[in-house]
Amino acid sequence: MHMTMSKPVTGTKLKWLWLAALVVAVDLGTKAMATAMLTYASPVPVMPMFNLTLLHNTGAAFSFLAGAAGWQRWFFVALALVVSVVLIGWLRKLRHHETWTAIAIALILGGAIGNVYDRVVHGYVVDFLHFYWQDWHFPAFNLADTAITIGAAMMILDVFRKPADPDEAAKGSE
């Protein structure tokens, strides 16, 4: 009688959690530097159309709900934690060839954790990157926001970049 043992899953995409950790470390480091070196709401010109401006965002993207009574802090913390658990679960289930998606998830996860840290510890997210054109000012943001945006863009591009299931694509070309 011959028994077959199922092989453990190899090449798990959880190995990309290092990228999420790097995003968190760089994000929190740059926020600490901005907080230590900048005066709140005083722009420091770096180049045309770009300032470093320390701001505190109690809301979400583009200061959404920033004017709420304070409940939004814990709502956004809970939301980010739920999203983080979902992203780690998704990352764990990715197949060997889904590296692009793994990187996108890791970037989003790292950004979410960087911003949730700020919300828990400070009650707001530290923003300091400030782009503008003449009198138009893009809302200030941070490196966590940048990682989330890049990860989301990668996921959107992925929809156009490859078929949803390589096995199905192979069947269609037969």
C-alpha atoms as a PDB file:
ATOM      1  CA  MET A   1       0.000   0.000   0.000  1.00  0.00           C
ATOM      2  CA  HIS A   2       1.431   3.335  -1.074  1.00  0.00           C
ATOM      3  CA  MET A   3       0.443   6.528   0.755  1.00  0.00           C
ATOM      4  CA  THR A   4       0.842   9.894  -0.786  1.00  0.00           C
ATOM      5  CA  MET A   5       1.507  12.779   1.465  1.00  0.00           C
ATOM      6  CA  SER A   6       0.401  16.164   0.279  1.00  0.00           C
ATOM      7  CA  LYS A   7       3.292  18.528  -0.090  1.00  0.00           C
ATOM      8  CA  PRO A   8       3.324  21.672   1.986  1.00  0.00           C
ATOM      9  CA  VAL A   9       2.554  24.834   0.097  1.00  0.00           C
ATOM     10  CA  THR A  10       5.858  26.221  -1.118  1.00  0.00           C
ATOM     11  CA  GLY A  11       6.627  29.670  -2.369  1.00  0.00           C
ATOM     12  CA  THR A  12       4.005  31.321  -0.178  1.00  0.00           C
ATOM     13  CA  LYS A  13       3.516  34.971  -0.958  1.00  0.00           C
ATOM     14  CA  LEU A  14       3.621  35.796   2.762  1.00  0.00           C
ATOM     15  CA  LYS A  15       7.327  36.306   2.145  1.00  0.00           C
ATOM     16  CA  TRP A  16       6.296  39.718   0.744  1.00  0.00           C
ATOM     17  CA  LEU A  17       5.368  40.880   4.247  1.00  0.00           C
ATOM     18  CA  TRP A  18       8.948  42.218   4.439  1.00  0.00           C
ATOM     19  CA  LEU A  19       7.874  44.872   1.906  1.00  0.00           C
ATOM     20  CA  ALA A  20       4.903  45.869   4.077  1.00  0.00           C
ATOM     21  CA  ALA A  21       7.249  46.121   7.082  1.00  0.00           C
ATOM     22  CA  LEU A  22       9.666  48.283   5.053  1.00  0.00           C
ATOM     23  CA  VAL A  23       6.822  50.614   4.026  1.00  0.00           C
ATOM     24  CA  VAL A  24       5.780  50.952   7.691  1.00  0.00           C
ATOM     25  CA  ALA A  25       9.357  51.663   8.831  1.00  0.00           C
ATOM     26  CA  VAL A  26      10.090  54.255   6.131  1.00  0.00           C
ATOM     27  CA  ASP A  27       6.674  55.865   6.553  1.00  0.00           C
ATOM     28  CA  LEU A  28       6.934  56.197  10.332  1.00  0.00           C
ATOM     29  CA  GLY A  29      10.544  57.368  10.066  1.00  0.00           C
ATOM     30  CA  THR A  30       9.703  60.131   7.594  1.00  0.00           C
ATOM     31  CA  LYS A  31       6.669  61.183   9.656  1.00  0.00           C
ATOM     32  CA  ALA A  32       8.860  61.408  12.779  1.00  0.00           C
ATOM     33  CA  MET A  33      11.395  63.506  10.876  1.00  0.00           C
ATOM     34  CA  ALA A  34       8.679  65.793   9.503  1.00  0.00           C
ATOM     35  CA  THR A  35       7.207  66.227  12.985  1.00  0.00           C
ATOM     36  CA  ALA A  36      10.611  67.009  14.489  1.00  0.00           C
ATOM     37  CA  MET A  37      11.867  69.303  11.743  1.00  0.00           C
ATOM     38  CA  LEU A  38       8.809  71.173  10.473  1.00  0.00           C
ATOM     39  CA  THR A  39       6.546  73.751  12.081  1.00  0.00           C
ATOM     40  CA  TYR A  40       2.873  72.887  11.838  1.00  0.00           C
ATOM     41  CA  ALA A  41       1.159  74.378   8.751  1.00  0.00           C
ATOM     42  CA  SER A  42       4.277  76.358   7.710  1.00  0.00           C
ATOM     43  CA  PRO A  43       5.244  75.385   4.152  1.00  0.00           C
ATOM     44  CA  VAL A  44       8.917  74.799   3.430  1.00  0.00           C
ATOM     45  CA  PRO A  45       9.550  75.225  -0.316  1.00  0.00           C
ATOM     46  CA  VAL A  46      11.584  72.373  -1.781  1.00  0.00           C
ATOM     47  CA  MET A  47      11.127  73.033  -5.495  1.00  0.00           C
ATOM     48  CA  PRO A  48       8.553  74.744  -7.707  1.00  0.00           C
ATOM     49  CA  MET A  49       5.129  73.174  -7.061  1.00  0.00           C
ATOM     50  CA  PHE A  50       6.319  71.170  -4.021  1.00  0.00           C
ATOM     51  CA  ASN A  51       6.535  72.057  -0.333  1.00  0.00           C
ATOM     52  CA  LEU A  52       7.038  70.116   2.845  1.00  0.00           C
ATOM     53  CA  THR A  53       4.111  71.143   5.047  1.00  0.00           C
ATOM     54  CA  LEU A  54       3.366  69.401   8.340  1.00  0.00           C
ATOM     55  CA  LEU A  55      -0.371  68.808   8.733  1.00  0.00           C
ATOM     56  CA  HIS A  56      -2.512  66.523  10.891  1.00  0.00           C
ATOM     57  CA  ASN A  57      -5.416  64.712   9.219  1.00  0.00           C
ATOM     58  CA  THR A  58      -8.122  63.377  11.541  1.00  0.00           C
ATOM     59  CA  GLY A  59     -10.151  62.182   8.558  1.00  0.00           C
ATOM     60  CA  ALA A  60      -9.463  59.767   5.740  1.00  0.00           C
ATOM     61  CA  ALA A  61      -8.286  60.481   2.194  1.00  0.00           C
ATOM     62  CA  PHE A  62      -8.687  64.148   1.257  1.00  0.00           C
ATOM     63  CA  SER A  63      -9.662  64.828   4.919  1.00  0.00           C
ATOM     64  CA  PHE A  64     -12.957  62.940   4.502  1.00  0.00           C
ATOM     65  CA  LEU A  65     -14.825  63.110   7.848  1.00  0.00           C
ATOM     66  CA  ALA A  66     -12.077  65.254   9.389  1.00  0.00           C
ATOM     67  CA  GLY A  67     -14.725  67.506  10.913  1.00  0.00           C
ATOM     68  CA  ALA A  68     -16.590  64.662  12.640  1.00  0.00           C
ATOM     69  CA  ALA A  69     -16.820  64.551  16.426  1.00  0.00           C
ATOM     70  CA  GLY A  70     -13.962  62.078  16.963  1.00  0.00           C
ATOM     71  CA  TRP A  71     -15.729  58.767  16.334  1.00  0.00           C
ATOM     72  CA  GLN A  72     -14.058  58.598  12.910  1.00  0.00           C
ATOM     73  CA  ARG A  73     -10.677  57.891  14.543  1.00  0.00           C
ATOM     74  CA  TRP A  74     -11.769  54.491  15.841  1.00  0.00           C
ATOM     75  CA  PHE A  75     -13.907  53.790  12.791  1.00  0.00           C
ATOM     76  CA  PHE A  76     -10.857  54.233  10.535  1.00  0.00           C
ATOM     77  CA  VAL A  77      -8.675  52.187  12.912  1.00  0.00           C
ATOM     78  CA  ALA A  78     -11.208  49.317  12.863  1.00  0.00           C
ATOM     79  CA  LEU A  79     -11.619  49.570   9.094  1.00  0.00           C
ATOM     80  CA  ALA A  80      -7.845  49.497   8.513  1.00  0.00           C
ATOM     81  CA  LEU A  81      -7.431  46.492  10.819  1.00  0.00           C
ATOM     82  CA  VAL A  82     -10.202  44.552   9.046  1.00  0.00           C
ATOM     83  CA  VAL A  83      -8.726  45.439   5.653  1.00  0.00           C
ATOM     84  CA  SER A  84      -5.262  44.368   6.883  1.00  0.00           C
ATOM     85  CA  VAL A  85      -6.550  40.956   7.997  1.00  0.00           C
ATOM     86  CA  VAL A  86      -8.303  40.503   4.633  1.00  0.00           C
ATOM     87  CA  LEU A  87      -5.135  41.518   2.749  1.00  0.00           C
ATOM     88  CA  ILE A  88      -2.966  39.065   4.720  1.00  0.00           C
ATOM     89  CA  GLY A  89      -5.493  36.306   4.018  1.00  0.00           C
ATOM     90  CA  TRP A  90      -5.483  37.192   0.326  1.00  0.00           C
ATOM     91  CA  LEU A  91      -1.685  37.293   0.275  1.00  0.00           C
ATOM     92  CA  ARG A  92      -1.525  33.858   1.878  1.00  0.00           C
ATOM     93  CA  LYS A  93      -3.814  32.374  -0.790  1.00  0.00           C
ATOM     94  CA  LEU A  94      -1.990  33.773  -3.826  1.00  0.00           C
ATOM     95  CA  ARG A  95      -0.517  31.323  -6.286  1.00  0.00           C
ATOM     96  CA  HIS A  96       3.152  31.108  -7.214  1.00  0.00           C
ATOM     97  CA  HIS A  97       2.840  33.221 -10.377  1.00  0.00           C
ATOM     98  CA  GLU A  98       0.960  36.106  -8.678  1.00  0.00           C
ATOM     99  CA  THR A  99       4.000  38.120  -7.579  1.00  0.00           C
ATOM    100  CA  TRP A 100       2.691  41.415  -9.001  1.00  0.00           C
ATOM    101  CA  THR A 101      -0.467  41.091  -6.889  1.00  0.00           C
ATOM    102  CA  ALA A 102       1.605  40.125  -3.840  1.00  0.00           C
ATOM    103  CA  ILE A 103       3.684  43.300  -4.175  1.00  0.00           C
ATOM    104  CA  ALA A 104       0.538  45.416  -4.607  1.00  0.00           C
ATOM    105  CA  ILE A 105      -1.048  43.877  -1.499  1.00  0.00           C
ATOM    106  CA  ALA A 106       2.144  44.366   0.531  1.00  0.00           C
ATOM    107  CA  LEU A 107       2.296  48.064  -0.441  1.00  0.00           C
ATOM    108  CA  ILE A 108      -1.349  48.625   0.510  1.00  0.00           C
ATOM    109  CA  LEU A 109      -0.924  46.682   3.745  1.00  0.00           C
ATOM    110  CA  GLY A 110       2.206  48.616   4.761  1.00  0.00           C
ATOM    111  CA  GLY A 111       0.515  51.936   4.024  1.00  0.00           C
ATOM    112  CA  ALA A 112      -2.603  50.971   5.955  1.00  0.00           C
ATOM    113  CA  ILE A 113      -0.561  49.904   8.985  1.00  0.00           C
ATOM    114  CA  GLY A 114       1.560  53.084   8.870  1.00  0.00           C
ATOM    115  CA  ASN A 115      -1.539  55.275   8.930  1.00  0.00           C
ATOM    116  CA  VAL A 116      -3.382  53.173  11.526  1.00  0.00           C
ATOM    117  CA  TYR A 117      -0.355  53.520  13.821  1.00  0.00           C
ATOM    118  CA  ASP A 118      -0.701  57.303  13.584  1.00  0.00           C
ATOM    119  CA  ARG A 119      -4.423  57.169  14.323  1.00  0.00           C
ATOM    120  CA  VAL A 120      -3.955  54.969  17.401  1.00  0.00           C
ATOM    121  CA  VAL A 121      -0.926  56.819  18.816  1.00  0.00           C
ATOM    122  CA  HIS A 122      -1.673  60.437  17.806  1.00  0.00           C
ATOM    123  CA  GLY A 123      -5.371  60.527  16.947  1.00  0.00           C
ATOM    124  CA  TYR A 124      -4.532  61.835  13.473  1.00  0.00           C
ATOM    125  CA  VAL A 125      -2.380  60.950  10.468  1.00  0.00           C
ATOM    126  CA  VAL A 126       0.800  62.974   9.928  1.00  0.00           C
ATOM    127  CA  ASP A 127       0.941  64.405   6.396  1.00  0.00           C
ATOM    128  CA  PHE A 128       3.779  66.481   4.990  1.00  0.00           C
ATOM    129  CA  LEU A 129       4.099  66.087   1.205  1.00  0.00           C
ATOM    130  CA  HIS A 130       2.358  69.057  -0.382  1.00  0.00           C
ATOM    131  CA  PHE A 131       2.045  69.619  -4.135  1.00  0.00           C
ATOM    132  CA  TYR A 132       0.406  72.685  -5.668  1.00  0.00           C
ATOM    133  CA  TRP A 133      -0.035  74.589  -8.894  1.00  0.00           C
ATOM    134  CA  GLN A 134      -0.527  78.346  -8.588  1.00  0.00           C
ATOM    135  CA  ASP A 135      -3.544  78.685  -6.227  1.00  0.00           C
ATOM    136  CA  TRP A 136      -4.582  75.011  -6.474  1.00  0.00           C
ATOM    137  CA  HIS A 137      -3.273  72.773  -3.682  1.00  0.00           C
ATOM    138  CA  PHE A 138      -3.412  68.974  -3.720  1.00  0.00           C
ATOM    139  CA  PRO A 139      -4.194  67.674  -0.210  1.00  0.00           C
ATOM    140  CA  ALA A 140      -1.020  66.939   1.749  1.00  0.00           C
ATOM    141  CA  PHE A 141      -0.153  63.260   2.090  1.00  0.00           C
ATOM    142  CA  ASN A 142       2.587  60.919   3.334  1.00  0.00           C
ATOM    143  CA  LEU A 143       4.555  57.867   2.207  1.00  0.00           C
ATOM    144  CA  ALA A 144       1.893  55.462   3.524  1.00  0.00           C
ATOM    145  CA  ASP A 145      -0.638  57.151   1.231  1.00  0.00           C
ATOM    146  CA  THR A 146       1.853  56.872  -1.628  1.00  0.00           C
ATOM    147  CA  ALA A 147       2.332  53.129  -1.026  1.00  0.00           C
ATOM    148  CA  ILE A 148      -1.446  52.587  -0.892  1.00  0.00           C
ATOM    149  CA  THR A 149      -1.904  54.525  -4.138  1.00  0.00           C
ATOM    150  CA  ILE A 150       0.884  52.641  -5.943  1.00  0.00           C
ATOM    151  CA  GLY A 151      -0.481  49.290  -4.713  1.00  0.00           C
ATOM    152  CA  ALA A 152      -4.020  50.172  -5.815  1.00  0.00           C
ATOM    153  CA  ALA A 153      -2.746  51.348  -9.221  1.00  0.00           C
ATOM    154  CA  MET A 154      -0.840  48.069  -9.615  1.00  0.00           C
ATOM    155  CA  MET A 155      -4.042  46.133  -8.917  1.00  0.00           C
ATOM    156  CA  ILE A 156      -5.971  48.190 -11.463  1.00  0.00           C
ATOM    157  CA  LEU A 157      -3.220  47.710 -14.055  1.00  0.00           C
ATOM    158  CA  ASP A 158      -3.217  43.999 -13.289  1.00  0.00           C
ATOM    159  CA  VAL A 159      -6.811  43.716 -14.485  1.00  0.00           C
ATOM    160  CA  PHE A 160      -5.670  44.898 -17.923  1.00  0.00           C
ATOM    161  CA  ARG A 161      -2.272  43.194 -17.807  1.00  0.00           C
ATOM    162  CA  LYS A 162      -3.264  39.541 -17.604  1.00  0.00           C
ATOM    163  CA  PRO A 163      -6.257  37.237 -17.817  1.00  0.00           C
ATOM    164  CA  ALA A 164      -7.995  36.559 -14.506  1.00  0.00           C
ATOM    165  CA  ASP A 165      -7.064  32.860 -14.534  1.00  0.00           C
ATOM    166  CA  PRO A 166      -4.064  31.617 -16.575  1.00  0.00           C
ATOM    167  CA  ASP A 167      -5.652  28.146 -16.803  1.00  0.00           C
ATOM    168  CA  GLU A 168      -8.775  29.616 -18.382  1.00  0.00           C
ATOM    169  CA  ALA A 169      -6.697  31.677 -20.815  1.00  0.00           C
ATOM    170  CA  ALA A 170      -4.838  28.541 -21.900  1.00  0.00           C
ATOM    171  CA  LYS A 171      -8.140  26.727 -22.539  1.00  0.00           C
ATOM    172  CA  GLY A 172      -9.394  29.638 -24.628  1.00  0.00           C
ATOM    173  CA  SER A 173      -6.385  29.469 -26.961  1.00  0.00           C
ATOM    174  CA  GLU A 174      -6.810  25.770 -27.737  1.00  0.00           C
END
